[in-house]
Every structure is written in structure tokens, then in C-alpha cells.
């Protein structure tokens, strides 16, 4: 089973950029759609972006469209989230996840993803 470890979070100012990484091990990483989700205190976990197994297809939440970019390097078993023009409302714990079923386009909701990392905190100050 795939295991996921996120890194790259931190404290930044509004307008800054961060790149999150998610390293996968223990499974066949390349067959799965991979996603990023986030959860702010007191709120439900929400979809941010996903990327197809080949990297050819991506999907983004409206709130991050044009600012965030998801990518993957299957040779390194790693998926990335480049976050530009960060806003205070982007503050949350960010989670990497692998789709529940390989080769199937997942719905943009947590239930479609079966393996999760431990999360990395992103805090954006004004």
C-alpha cells in the first residue's frame, strides 16, 4: 500500500509562494490519480487539486485556479503543489492523497481518496 509524506509547509506572508511536496513509497504510485486537500480549523476537509496518473489531466478548486499548480514526477514518486499569490484564506493543513482506485477519475471529494499523508501546515499572514 502506498504511504505518503508531505513537506514544504511553513509561515509566509500574503502574496508569497510555497511549494509542497508529497513523497510516496510502498506501492505503485504511477497508476493512481493524486490529490491535494486542505483543512482549516473548524472546517471540513476540502478539495484543492488532483492530477492524473500521467500528469496530463488536472483539476482545481475554483478558489485556487490560476494560483496553484499540481504536478508529479513518477520517476521520483513525488507529487507537488506550487502555490503562488498566497492569501490569508489559504491558511490550512494541506494533505496529499492517493485515489482509492487506480486508473479511475476520482470525484473531487475526500471519499474518493483512500490513502492520506499526515499533512503539512501552511500559514499565510497579512
Foldseek 3Di string as FASTA:
>chain_A
DKAKAKDWADEEAAQAKTKMKIAIDDDQLLQWKKFKWWDAPPGDIFGAKIAHSVRPDMDGDPVQPPFWDWGDDSVRRMIMIIGGRDDQVVWTWMKMFTAPDGPDDFDRDPVRTDYIYPTDTHGYHD
